[in-house]
Amino acid sequence: QLRSAKVVLVSGIAQPERFHHMIQTLGAQVVHTMRFSDHYNYRANDAEHIAHTFAQTRGDLLITTSKDAVKLRNFECLAQLPCFALEIVAAPAENFFSALQTALPVRAEHVLP
């Protein structure tokens, strides 16, 4: 149950604020956020720091992105933590394709036979 759970967030994404907001919107109590740079390559000392922070904050859940979970899954110190991964899906703005079509100097149908 995410509602009212004490959550530690871990992310290495470009705009972590959106991730943080999404978790709060789902009703979690974010007790600590650990932000790493986009495409971060986690090291053993990072994983140990994450585990230590989780213990210190007495979190109920550790939540990360699916992209970061793949990078963190082999660290033994994190193996026993209640860790969940959320998949972040990028969706273009409503007018993205029409704006792109307007911005392109040549339409695709004119280039392709």
PDB file of N, CA and C in Angstrom:
ATOM      1  N   GLN A   1       0.848  -1.183   0.000  1.00  0.00           N
ATOM      2  CA  GLN A   1       0.000   0.000   0.000  1.00  0.00           C
ATOM      3  C   GLN A   1       0.886   1.236   0.000  1.00  0.00           C
ATOM      4  N   LEU A   2       0.745   2.049  -1.022  1.00  0.00           N
ATOM      5  CA  LEU A   2       1.569   3.246  -1.154  1.00  0.00           C
ATOM      6  C   LEU A   2       1.033   4.408  -0.324  1.00  0.00           C
ATOM      7  N   ARG A   3      -0.272   4.455  -0.165  1.00  0.00           N
ATOM      8  CA  ARG A   3      -0.869   5.566   0.570  1.00  0.00           C
ATOM      9  C   ARG A   3      -0.341   5.597   1.997  1.00  0.00           C
ATOM     10  N   SER A   4       0.213   6.722   2.363  1.00  0.00           N
ATOM     11  CA  SER A   4       0.784   7.034   3.678  1.00  0.00           C
ATOM     12  C   SER A   4       2.060   6.252   4.013  1.00  0.00           C
ATOM     13  N   ALA A   5       2.584   5.483   3.076  1.00  0.00           N
ATOM     14  CA  ALA A   5       3.854   4.793   3.313  1.00  0.00           C
ATOM     15  C   ALA A   5       4.984   5.816   3.346  1.00  0.00           C
ATOM     16  N   LYS A   6       5.956   5.583   4.213  1.00  0.00           N
ATOM     17  CA  LYS A   6       7.147   6.430   4.257  1.00  0.00           C
ATOM     18  C   LYS A   6       8.100   5.915   3.180  1.00  0.00           C
ATOM     19  N   VAL A   7       8.391   6.788   2.231  1.00  0.00           N
ATOM     20  CA  VAL A   7       9.114   6.378   1.034  1.00  0.00           C
ATOM     21  C   VAL A   7      10.432   7.136   0.896  1.00  0.00           C
ATOM     22  N   VAL A   8      11.464   6.392   0.507  1.00  0.00           N
ATOM     23  CA  VAL A   8      12.737   6.982   0.105  1.00  0.00           C
ATOM     24  C   VAL A   8      12.804   6.832  -1.407  1.00  0.00           C
ATOM     25  N   LEU A   9      12.994   7.946  -2.099  1.00  0.00           N
ATOM     26  CA  LEU A   9      13.079   7.935  -3.560  1.00  0.00           C
ATOM     27  C   LEU A   9      14.531   7.979  -4.003  1.00  0.00           C
ATOM     28  N   VAL A  10      14.851   7.170  -5.003  1.00  0.00           N
ATOM     29  CA  VAL A  10      16.189   7.165  -5.597  1.00  0.00           C
ATOM     30  C   VAL A  10      16.008   7.294  -7.101  1.00  0.00           C
ATOM     31  N   SER A  11      16.665   8.299  -7.688  1.00  0.00           N
ATOM     32  CA  SER A  11      16.534   8.452  -9.134  1.00  0.00           C
ATOM     33  C   SER A  11      17.771   9.082  -9.747  1.00  0.00           C
ATOM     34  N   GLY A  12      18.055   8.650 -10.946  1.00  0.00           N
ATOM     35  CA  GLY A  12      19.110   9.227 -11.767  1.00  0.00           C
ATOM     36  C   GLY A  12      18.499   9.599 -13.101  1.00  0.00           C
ATOM     37  N   ILE A  13      17.571  10.545 -13.056  1.00  0.00           N
ATOM     38  CA  ILE A  13      16.839  10.960 -14.257  1.00  0.00           C
ATOM     39  C   ILE A  13      16.945  12.472 -14.420  1.00  0.00           C
ATOM     40  N   ALA A  14      16.614  12.931 -15.611  1.00  0.00           N
ATOM     41  CA  ALA A  14      16.795  14.344 -15.947  1.00  0.00           C
ATOM     42  C   ALA A  14      15.909  15.280 -15.134  1.00  0.00           C
ATOM     43  N   GLN A  15      14.668  14.913 -14.901  1.00  0.00           N
ATOM     44  CA  GLN A  15      13.752  15.791 -14.174  1.00  0.00           C
ATOM     45  C   GLN A  15      13.138  15.037 -12.996  1.00  0.00           C
ATOM     46  N   PRO A  16      13.903  14.871 -11.921  1.00  0.00           N
ATOM     47  CA  PRO A  16      13.413  14.076 -10.791  1.00  0.00           C
ATOM     48  C   PRO A  16      12.218  14.695 -10.072  1.00  0.00           C
ATOM     49  N   GLU A  17      11.979  15.977 -10.269  1.00  0.00           N
ATOM     50  CA  GLU A  17      10.854  16.629  -9.601  1.00  0.00           C
ATOM     51  C   GLU A  17       9.527  15.993 -10.006  1.00  0.00           C
ATOM     52  N   ARG A  18       9.403  15.633 -11.269  1.00  0.00           N
ATOM     53  CA  ARG A  18       8.165  14.998 -11.747  1.00  0.00           C
ATOM     54  C   ARG A  18       7.959  13.643 -11.087  1.00  0.00           C
ATOM     55  N   PHE A  19       9.027  12.885 -10.965  1.00  0.00           N
ATOM     56  CA  PHE A  19       8.982  11.573 -10.310  1.00  0.00           C
ATOM     57  C   PHE A  19       8.548  11.750  -8.853  1.00  0.00           C
ATOM     58  N   HIS A  20       9.157  12.686  -8.173  1.00  0.00           N
ATOM     59  CA  HIS A  20       8.837  12.991  -6.780  1.00  0.00           C
ATOM     60  C   HIS A  20       7.354  13.371  -6.649  1.00  0.00           C
ATOM     61  N   HIS A  21       6.913  14.263  -7.509  1.00  0.00           N
ATOM     62  CA  HIS A  21       5.520  14.720  -7.471  1.00  0.00           C
ATOM     63  C   HIS A  21       4.547  13.563  -7.719  1.00  0.00           C
ATOM     64  N   MET A  22       4.889  12.695  -8.665  1.00  0.00           N
ATOM     65  CA  MET A  22       4.018  11.563  -8.981  1.00  0.00           C
ATOM     66  C   MET A  22       3.840  10.664  -7.757  1.00  0.00           C
ATOM     67  N   ILE A  23       4.914  10.394  -7.044  1.00  0.00           N
ATOM     68  CA  ILE A  23       4.837   9.536  -5.858  1.00  0.00           C
ATOM     69  C   ILE A  23       4.003  10.207  -4.771  1.00  0.00           C
ATOM     70  N   GLN A  24       4.187  11.496  -4.582  1.00  0.00           N
ATOM     71  CA  GLN A  24       3.386  12.222  -3.595  1.00  0.00           C
ATOM     72  C   GLN A  24       1.910  12.218  -3.978  1.00  0.00           C
ATOM     73  N   THR A  25       1.624  12.365  -5.259  1.00  0.00           N
ATOM     74  CA  THR A  25       0.245  12.365  -5.745  1.00  0.00           C
ATOM     75  C   THR A  25      -0.439  11.031  -5.449  1.00  0.00           C
ATOM     76  N   LEU A  26       0.336   9.963  -5.441  1.00  0.00           N
ATOM     77  CA  LEU A  26      -0.213   8.640  -5.145  1.00  0.00           C
ATOM     78  C   LEU A  26      -0.438   8.425  -3.650  1.00  0.00           C
ATOM     79  N   GLY A  27      -0.086   9.424  -2.839  1.00  0.00           N
ATOM     80  CA  GLY A  27      -0.384   9.368  -1.416  1.00  0.00           C
ATOM     81  C   GLY A  27       0.761   8.980  -0.510  1.00  0.00           C
ATOM     82  N   ALA A  28       1.940   8.780  -1.064  1.00  0.00           N
ATOM     83  CA  ALA A  28       3.086   8.397  -0.237  1.00  0.00           C
ATOM     84  C   ALA A  28       3.636   9.602   0.511  1.00  0.00           C
ATOM     85  N   GLN A  29       4.257   9.323   1.632  1.00  0.00           N
ATOM     86  CA  GLN A  29       4.954  10.351   2.393  1.00  0.00           C
ATOM     87  C   GLN A  29       6.437  10.217   2.053  1.00  0.00           C
ATOM     88  N   VAL A  30       6.945  11.116   1.228  1.00  0.00           N
ATOM     89  CA  VAL A  30       8.347  11.058   0.818  1.00  0.00           C
ATOM     90  C   VAL A  30       9.193  11.601   1.968  1.00  0.00           C
ATOM     91  N   VAL A  31       9.966  10.710   2.599  1.00  0.00           N
ATOM     92  CA  VAL A  31      10.774  11.111   3.749  1.00  0.00           C
ATOM     93  C   VAL A  31      12.194  11.499   3.349  1.00  0.00           C
ATOM     94  N   HIS A  32      12.620  11.047   2.174  1.00  0.00           N
ATOM     95  CA  HIS A  32      13.953  11.421   1.698  1.00  0.00           C
ATOM     96  C   HIS A  32      14.029  11.180   0.193  1.00  0.00           C
ATOM     97  N   THR A  33      14.733  12.068  -0.486  1.00  0.00           N
ATOM     98  CA  THR A  33      14.938  11.937  -1.926  1.00  0.00           C
ATOM     99  C   THR A  33      16.431  11.921  -2.205  1.00  0.00           C
ATOM    100  N   MET A  34      16.869  10.924  -2.952  1.00  0.00           N
ATOM    101  CA  MET A  34      18.274  10.829  -3.345  1.00  0.00           C
ATOM    102  C   MET A  34      18.333  11.000  -4.858  1.00  0.00           C
ATOM    103  N   ARG A  35      18.898  12.114  -5.274  1.00  0.00           N
ATOM    104  CA  ARG A  35      18.959  12.436  -6.698  1.00  0.00           C
ATOM    105  C   ARG A  35      20.382  12.274  -7.210  1.00  0.00           C
ATOM    106  N   PHE A  36      20.479  11.548  -8.299  1.00  0.00           N
ATOM    107  CA  PHE A  36      21.755  11.359  -8.976  1.00  0.00           C
ATOM    108  C   PHE A  36      21.608  11.936 -10.381  1.00  0.00           C
ATOM    109  N   SER A  37      22.704  12.200 -11.029  1.00  0.00           N
ATOM    110  CA  SER A  37      22.637  12.782 -12.372  1.00  0.00           C
ATOM    111  C   SER A  37      22.011  11.790 -13.358  1.00  0.00           C
ATOM    112  N   ASP A  38      21.486  12.327 -14.438  1.00  0.00           N
ATOM    113  CA  ASP A  38      20.840  11.516 -15.466  1.00  0.00           C
ATOM    114  C   ASP A  38      21.819  10.471 -16.003  1.00  0.00           C
ATOM    115  N   HIS A  39      21.349   9.249 -16.168  1.00  0.00           N
ATOM    116  CA  HIS A  39      22.155   8.122 -16.667  1.00  0.00           C
ATOM    117  C   HIS A  39      23.309   7.787 -15.724  1.00  0.00           C
ATOM    118  N   TYR A  40      23.110   8.006 -14.453  1.00  0.00           N
ATOM    119  CA  TYR A  40      24.162   7.789 -13.465  1.00  0.00           C
ATOM    120  C   TYR A  40      24.569   6.322 -13.411  1.00  0.00           C
ATOM    121  N   ASN A  41      25.858   6.083 -13.288  1.00  0.00           N
ATOM    122  CA  ASN A  41      26.393   4.732 -13.165  1.00  0.00           C
ATOM    123  C   ASN A  41      26.689   4.481 -11.682  1.00  0.00           C
ATOM    124  N   TYR A  42      25.774   3.809 -10.998  1.00  0.00           N
ATOM    125  CA  TYR A  42      25.890   3.593  -9.558  1.00  0.00           C
ATOM    126  C   TYR A  42      27.096   2.723  -9.220  1.00  0.00           C
ATOM    127  N   ARG A  43      27.762   3.088  -8.125  1.00  0.00           N
ATOM    128  CA  ARG A  43      28.907   2.329  -7.616  1.00  0.00           C
ATOM    129  C   ARG A  43      28.520   1.709  -6.272  1.00  0.00           C
ATOM    130  N   ALA A  44      29.366   0.844  -5.770  1.00  0.00           N
ATOM    131  CA  ALA A  44      29.086   0.154  -4.509  1.00  0.00           C
ATOM    132  C   ALA A  44      28.884   1.141  -3.360  1.00  0.00           C
ATOM    133  N   ASN A  45      29.693   2.190  -3.303  1.00  0.00           N
ATOM    134  CA  ASN A  45      29.526   3.149  -2.200  1.00  0.00           C
ATOM    135  C   ASN A  45      28.207   3.916  -2.316  1.00  0.00           C
ATOM    136  N   ASP A  46      27.696   4.102  -3.532  1.00  0.00           N
ATOM    137  CA  ASP A  46      26.379   4.728  -3.705  1.00  0.00           C
ATOM    138  C   ASP A  46      25.293   3.815  -3.136  1.00  0.00           C
ATOM    139  N   ALA A  47      25.387   2.531  -3.457  1.00  0.00           N
ATOM    140  CA  ALA A  47      24.403   1.564  -2.966  1.00  0.00           C
ATOM    141  C   ALA A  47      24.439   1.485  -1.442  1.00  0.00           C
ATOM    142  N   GLU A  48      25.633   1.508  -0.876  1.00  0.00           N
ATOM    143  CA  GLU A  48      25.762   1.481   0.583  1.00  0.00           C
ATOM    144  C   GLU A  48      25.156   2.740   1.197  1.00  0.00           C
ATOM    145  N   HIS A  49      25.358   3.865   0.550  1.00  0.00           N
ATOM    146  CA  HIS A  49      24.778   5.128   1.030  1.00  0.00           C
ATOM    147  C   HIS A  49      23.246   5.076   0.958  1.00  0.00           C
ATOM    148  N   ILE A  50      22.720   4.507  -0.107  1.00  0.00           N
ATOM    149  CA  ILE A  50      21.266   4.357  -0.248  1.00  0.00           C
ATOM    150  C   ILE A  50      20.721   3.474   0.877  1.00  0.00           C
ATOM    151  N   ALA A  51      21.371   2.336   1.116  1.00  0.00           N
ATOM    152  CA  ALA A  51      20.923   1.415   2.169  1.00  0.00           C
ATOM    153  C   ALA A  51      20.996   2.082   3.543  1.00  0.00           C
ATOM    154  N   HIS A  52      22.067   2.805   3.803  1.00  0.00           N
ATOM    155  CA  HIS A  52      22.235   3.499   5.081  1.00  0.00           C
ATOM    156  C   HIS A  52      21.157   4.574   5.260  1.00  0.00           C
ATOM    157  N   THR A  53      20.916   5.340   4.217  1.00  0.00           N
ATOM    158  CA  THR A  53      19.901   6.393   4.274  1.00  0.00           C
ATOM    159  C   THR A  53      18.521   5.799   4.513  1.00  0.00           C
ATOM    160  N   PHE A  54      18.227   4.697   3.844  1.00  0.00           N
ATOM    161  CA  PHE A  54      16.937   4.033   4.031  1.00  0.00           C
ATOM    162  C   PHE A  54      16.764   3.617   5.492  1.00  0.00           C
ATOM    163  N   ALA A  55      17.802   3.044   6.069  1.00  0.00           N
ATOM    164  CA  ALA A  55      17.733   2.616   7.471  1.00  0.00           C
ATOM    165  C   ALA A  55      17.584   3.817   8.407  1.00  0.00           C
ATOM    166  N   GLN A  56      18.315   4.880   8.143  1.00  0.00           N
ATOM    167  CA  GLN A  56      18.275   6.068   8.999  1.00  0.00           C
ATOM    168  C   GLN A  56      16.914   6.765   8.968  1.00  0.00           C
ATOM    169  N   THR A  57      16.283   6.776   7.813  1.00  0.00           N
ATOM    170  CA  THR A  57      14.992   7.459   7.681  1.00  0.00           C
ATOM    171  C   THR A  57      13.827   6.577   8.111  1.00  0.00           C
ATOM    172  N   ARG A  58      14.114   5.300   8.358  1.00  0.00           N
ATOM    173  CA  ARG A  58      13.085   4.329   8.747  1.00  0.00           C
ATOM    174  C   ARG A  58      11.949   4.283   7.733  1.00  0.00           C
ATOM    175  N   GLY A  59      12.348   4.264   6.470  1.00  0.00           N
ATOM    176  CA  GLY A  59      11.363   4.206   5.400  1.00  0.00           C
ATOM    177  C   GLY A  59      10.662   2.864   5.341  1.00  0.00           C
ATOM    178  N   ASP A  60       9.475   2.886   4.763  1.00  0.00           N
ATOM    179  CA  ASP A  60       8.725   1.648   4.529  1.00  0.00           C
ATOM    180  C   ASP A  60       9.076   1.048   3.173  1.00  0.00           C
ATOM    181  N   LEU A  61       9.311   1.929   2.202  1.00  0.00           N
ATOM    182  CA  LEU A  61       9.576   1.497   0.831  1.00  0.00           C
ATOM    183  C   LEU A  61      10.694   2.331   0.224  1.00  0.00           C
ATOM    184  N   LEU A  62      11.467   1.700  -0.617  1.00  0.00           N
ATOM    185  CA  LEU A  62      12.447   2.386  -1.448  1.00  0.00           C
ATOM    186  C   LEU A  62      11.884   2.332  -2.860  1.00  0.00           C
ATOM    187  N   ILE A  63      11.694   3.484  -3.468  1.00  0.00           N
ATOM    188  CA  ILE A  63      11.129   3.517  -4.817  1.00  0.00           C
ATOM    189  C   ILE A  63      12.125   4.180  -5.752  1.00  0.00           C
ATOM    190  N   THR A  64      12.323   3.544  -6.888  1.00  0.00           N
ATOM    191  CA  THR A  64      13.220   4.062  -7.909  1.00  0.00           C
ATOM    192  C   THR A  64      12.558   3.881  -9.269  1.00  0.00           C
ATOM    193  N   THR A  65      13.215   4.346 -10.296  1.00  0.00           N
ATOM    194  CA  THR A  65      12.691   4.145 -11.647  1.00  0.00           C
ATOM    195  C   THR A  65      13.133   2.770 -12.141  1.00  0.00           C
ATOM    196  N   SER A  66      12.448   2.240 -13.115  1.00  0.00           N
ATOM    197  CA  SER A  66      12.840   0.936 -13.663  1.00  0.00           C
ATOM    198  C   SER A  66      14.238   1.013 -14.273  1.00  0.00           C
ATOM    199  N   LYS A  67      14.568   2.148 -14.855  1.00  0.00           N
ATOM    200  CA  LYS A  67      15.901   2.350 -15.436  1.00  0.00           C
ATOM    201  C   LYS A  67      16.973   2.264 -14.357  1.00  0.00           C
ATOM    202  N   ASP A  68      16.727   2.884 -13.220  1.00  0.00           N
ATOM    203  CA  ASP A  68      17.697   2.846 -12.130  1.00  0.00           C
ATOM    204  C   ASP A  68      17.704   1.493 -11.427  1.00  0.00           C
ATOM    205  N   ALA A  69      16.565   0.844 -11.355  1.00  0.00           N
ATOM    206  CA  ALA A  69      16.488  -0.468 -10.698  1.00  0.00           C
ATOM    207  C   ALA A  69      17.403  -1.479 -11.383  1.00  0.00           C
ATOM    208  N   VAL A  70      17.475  -1.414 -12.695  1.00  0.00           N
ATOM    209  CA  VAL A  70      18.357  -2.319 -13.440  1.00  0.00           C
ATOM    210  C   VAL A  70      19.807  -2.114 -13.010  1.00  0.00           C
ATOM    211  N   LYS A  71      20.178  -0.876 -12.765  1.00  0.00           N
ATOM    212  CA  LYS A  71      21.555  -0.563 -12.376  1.00  0.00           C
ATOM    213  C   LYS A  71      21.835  -0.889 -10.908  1.00  0.00           C
ATOM    214  N   LEU A  72      20.793  -0.928 -10.089  1.00  0.00           N
ATOM    215  CA  LEU A  72      20.968  -1.142  -8.653  1.00  0.00           C
ATOM    216  C   LEU A  72      20.746  -2.583  -8.207  1.00  0.00           C
ATOM    217  N   ARG A  73      20.173  -3.408  -9.040  1.00  0.00           N
ATOM    218  CA  ARG A  73      19.726  -4.732  -8.602  1.00  0.00           C
ATOM    219  C   ARG A  73      20.838  -5.697  -8.185  1.00  0.00           C
ATOM    220  N   ASN A  74      22.048  -5.474  -8.605  1.00  0.00           N
ATOM    221  CA  ASN A  74      23.124  -6.410  -8.273  1.00  0.00           C
ATOM    222  C   ASN A  74      23.906  -6.057  -7.011  1.00  0.00           C
ATOM    223  N   PHE A  75      23.499  -5.013  -6.323  1.00  0.00           N
ATOM    224  CA  PHE A  75      24.195  -4.637  -5.091  1.00  0.00           C
ATOM    225  C   PHE A  75      23.579  -5.392  -3.915  1.00  0.00           C
ATOM    226  N   GLU A  76      24.392  -6.210  -3.283  1.00  0.00           N
ATOM    227  CA  GLU A  76      23.945  -7.066  -2.184  1.00  0.00           C
ATOM    228  C   GLU A  76      23.314  -6.274  -1.039  1.00  0.00           C
ATOM    229  N   CYS A  77      23.858  -5.104  -0.744  1.00  0.00           N
ATOM    230  CA  CYS A  77      23.357  -4.322   0.389  1.00  0.00           C
ATOM    231  C   CYS A  77      21.927  -3.818   0.177  1.00  0.00           C
ATOM    232  N   LEU A  78      21.445  -3.853  -1.054  1.00  0.00           N
ATOM    233  CA  LEU A  78      20.080  -3.406  -1.345  1.00  0.00           C
ATOM    234  C   LEU A  78      19.109  -4.574  -1.514  1.00  0.00           C
ATOM    235  N   ALA A  79      19.634  -5.785  -1.553  1.00  0.00           N
ATOM    236  CA  ALA A  79      18.828  -6.959  -1.893  1.00  0.00           C
ATOM    237  C   ALA A  79      17.664  -7.212  -0.939  1.00  0.00           C
ATOM    238  N   GLN A  80      17.825  -6.906   0.330  1.00  0.00           N
ATOM    239  CA  GLN A  80      16.782  -7.197   1.311  1.00  0.00           C
ATOM    240  C   GLN A  80      15.826  -6.031   1.560  1.00  0.00           C
ATOM    241  N   LEU A  81      16.060  -4.920   0.903  1.00  0.00           N
ATOM    242  CA  LEU A  81      15.195  -3.756   1.110  1.00  0.00           C
ATOM    243  C   LEU A  81      13.902  -3.895   0.311  1.00  0.00           C
ATOM    244  N   PRO A  82      12.804  -3.366   0.841  1.00  0.00           N
ATOM    245  CA  PRO A  82      11.540  -3.381   0.092  1.00  0.00           C
ATOM    246  C   PRO A  82      11.595  -2.332  -1.019  1.00  0.00           C
ATOM    247  N   CYS A  83      12.141  -2.738  -2.140  1.00  0.00           N
ATOM    248  CA  CYS A  83      12.397  -1.813  -3.247  1.00  0.00           C
ATOM    249  C   CYS A  83      11.417  -2.062  -4.389  1.00  0.00           C
ATOM    250  N   PHE A  84      10.847  -0.987  -4.880  1.00  0.00           N
ATOM    251  CA  PHE A  84       9.915  -1.063  -5.994  1.00  0.00           C
ATOM    252  C   PHE A  84      10.373  -0.119  -7.094  1.00  0.00           C
ATOM    253  N   ALA A  85      10.148  -0.532  -8.318  1.00  0.00           N
ATOM    254  CA  ALA A  85      10.545   0.272  -9.469  1.00  0.00           C
ATOM    255  C   ALA A  85       9.313   0.693 -10.250  1.00  0.00           C
ATOM    256  N   LEU A  86       9.289   1.954 -10.625  1.00  0.00           N
ATOM    257  CA  LEU A  86       8.216   2.473 -11.464  1.00  0.00           C
ATOM    258  C   LEU A  86       8.767   2.772 -12.845  1.00  0.00           C
ATOM    259  N   GLU A  87       8.033   2.358 -13.838  1.00  0.00           N
ATOM    260  CA  GLU A  87       8.442   2.648 -15.205  1.00  0.00           C
ATOM    261  C   GLU A  87       7.965   4.045 -15.570  1.00  0.00           C
ATOM    262  N   ILE A  88       8.887   4.850 -16.025  1.00  0.00           N
ATOM    263  CA  ILE A  88       8.575   6.207 -16.453  1.00  0.00           C
ATOM    264  C   ILE A  88       8.439   6.181 -17.969  1.00  0.00           C
ATOM    265  N   VAL A  89       7.302   6.623 -18.461  1.00  0.00           N
ATOM    266  CA  VAL A  89       7.043   6.625 -19.896  1.00  0.00           C
ATOM    267  C   VAL A  89       6.905   8.067 -20.362  1.00  0.00           C
ATOM    268  N   ALA A  90       7.694   8.418 -21.341  1.00  0.00           N
ATOM    269  CA  ALA A  90       7.613   9.771 -21.897  1.00  0.00           C
ATOM    270  C   ALA A  90       6.503   9.810 -22.939  1.00  0.00           C
ATOM    271  N   ALA A  91       5.682  10.815 -22.841  1.00  0.00           N
ATOM    272  CA  ALA A  91       4.602  10.997 -23.806  1.00  0.00           C
ATOM    273  C   ALA A  91       4.714  12.402 -24.385  1.00  0.00           C
ATOM    274  N   PRO A  92       4.632  12.523 -25.699  1.00  0.00           N
ATOM    275  CA  PRO A  92       4.735  13.854 -26.297  1.00  0.00           C
ATOM    276  C   PRO A  92       3.517  14.712 -25.961  1.00  0.00           C
ATOM    277  N   ALA A  93       3.737  15.999 -25.941  1.00  0.00           N
ATOM    278  CA  ALA A  93       2.635  16.937 -25.721  1.00  0.00           C
ATOM    279  C   ALA A  93       1.595  16.763 -26.822  1.00  0.00           C
ATOM    280  N   GLU A  94       0.391  17.180 -26.537  1.00  0.00           N
ATOM    281  CA  GLU A  94      -0.732  16.978 -27.456  1.00  0.00           C
ATOM    282  C   GLU A  94      -0.459  17.514 -28.858  1.00  0.00           C
ATOM    283  N   ASN A  95       0.197  18.651 -28.952  1.00  0.00           N
ATOM    284  CA  ASN A  95       0.429  19.264 -30.266  1.00  0.00           C
ATOM    285  C   ASN A  95       1.816  18.953 -30.827  1.00  0.00           C
ATOM    286  N   PHE A  96       2.526  17.994 -30.254  1.00  0.00           N
ATOM    287  CA  PHE A  96       3.896  17.706 -30.665  1.00  0.00           C
ATOM    288  C   PHE A  96       4.005  17.367 -32.152  1.00  0.00           C
ATOM    289  N   PHE A  97       3.193  16.428 -32.625  1.00  0.00           N
ATOM    290  CA  PHE A  97       3.333  15.970 -34.004  1.00  0.00           C
ATOM    291  C   PHE A  97       2.922  17.039 -35.016  1.00  0.00           C
ATOM    292  N   SER A  98       1.898  17.808 -34.705  1.00  0.00           N
ATOM    293  CA  SER A  98       1.523  18.878 -35.629  1.00  0.00           C
ATOM    294  C   SER A  98       2.593  19.967 -35.646  1.00  0.00           C
ATOM    295  N   ALA A  99       3.189  20.265 -34.488  1.00  0.00           N
ATOM    296  CA  ALA A  99       4.267  21.257 -34.437  1.00  0.00           C
ATOM    297  C   ALA A  99       5.502  20.751 -35.173  1.00  0.00           C
ATOM    298  N   LEU A 100       5.795  19.477 -35.034  1.00  0.00           N
ATOM    299  CA  LEU A 100       6.936  18.888 -35.738  1.00  0.00           C
ATOM    300  C   LEU A 100       6.716  18.936 -37.246  1.00  0.00           C
ATOM    301  N   GLN A 101       5.523  18.597 -37.661  1.00  0.00           N
ATOM    302  CA  GLN A 101       5.208  18.609 -39.088  1.00  0.00           C
ATOM    303  C   GLN A 101       5.326  20.023 -39.654  1.00  0.00           C
ATOM    304  N   THR A 102       4.907  21.006 -38.895  1.00  0.00           N
ATOM    305  CA  THR A 102       5.010  22.398 -39.324  1.00  0.00           C
ATOM    306  C   THR A 102       6.467  22.846 -39.391  1.00  0.00           C
ATOM    307  N   ALA A 103       7.273  22.379 -38.450  1.00  0.00           N
ATOM    308  CA  ALA A 103       8.669  22.806 -38.366  1.00  0.00           C
ATOM    309  C   ALA A 103       9.561  22.158 -39.417  1.00  0.00           C
ATOM    310  N   LEU A 104       9.195  20.985 -39.894  1.00  0.00           N
ATOM    311  CA  LEU A 104      10.032  20.304 -40.882  1.00  0.00           C
ATOM    312  C   LEU A 104       9.924  20.996 -42.239  1.00  0.00           C
ATOM    313  N   PRO A 105      11.062  21.219 -42.895  1.00  0.00           N
ATOM    314  CA  PRO A 105      11.027  21.922 -44.175  1.00  0.00           C
ATOM    315  C   PRO A 105      10.428  21.089 -45.312  1.00  0.00           C
ATOM    316  N   VAL A 106      10.522  19.772 -45.219  1.00  0.00           N
ATOM    317  CA  VAL A 106      10.009  18.901 -46.277  1.00  0.00           C
ATOM    318  C   VAL A 106       9.173  17.813 -45.631  1.00  0.00           C
ATOM    319  N   ARG A 107       8.024  17.552 -46.194  1.00  0.00           N
ATOM    320  CA  ARG A 107       7.176  16.487 -45.668  1.00  0.00           C
ATOM    321  C   ARG A 107       7.702  15.132 -46.119  1.00  0.00           C
ATOM    322  N   ALA A 108       7.531  14.127 -45.292  1.00  0.00           N
ATOM    323  CA  ALA A 108       8.057  12.792 -45.569  1.00  0.00           C
ATOM    324  C   ALA A 108       7.512  12.217 -46.866  1.00  0.00           C
ATOM    325  N   GLU A 109       6.247  12.472 -47.187  1.00  0.00           N
ATOM    326  CA  GLU A 109       5.684  11.876 -48.402  1.00  0.00           C
ATOM    327  C   GLU A 109       6.333  12.436 -49.671  1.00  0.00           C
ATOM    328  N   HIS A 110       6.962  13.605 -49.581  1.00  0.00           N
ATOM    329  CA  HIS A 110       7.658  14.166 -50.739  1.00  0.00           C
ATOM    330  C   HIS A 110       9.038  13.558 -50.923  1.00  0.00           C
ATOM    331  N   VAL A 111       9.581  12.994 -49.872  1.00  0.00           N
ATOM    332  CA  VAL A 111      10.921  12.422 -49.921  1.00  0.00           C
ATOM    333  C   VAL A 111      10.866  10.953 -50.318  1.00  0.00           C
ATOM    334  N   LEU A 112       9.879  10.256 -49.818  1.00  0.00           N
ATOM    335  CA  LEU A 112       9.773   8.822 -50.077  1.00  0.00           C
ATOM    336  C   LEU A 112       8.981   8.566 -51.358  1.00  0.00           C
ATOM    337  N   PRO A 113       9.365   7.537 -52.109  1.00  0.00           N
ATOM    338  CA  PRO A 113       8.624   7.226 -53.348  1.00  0.00           C
ATOM    339  C   PRO A 113       7.224   6.712 -53.066  1.00  0.00           C
TER     340      PRO A 113
END
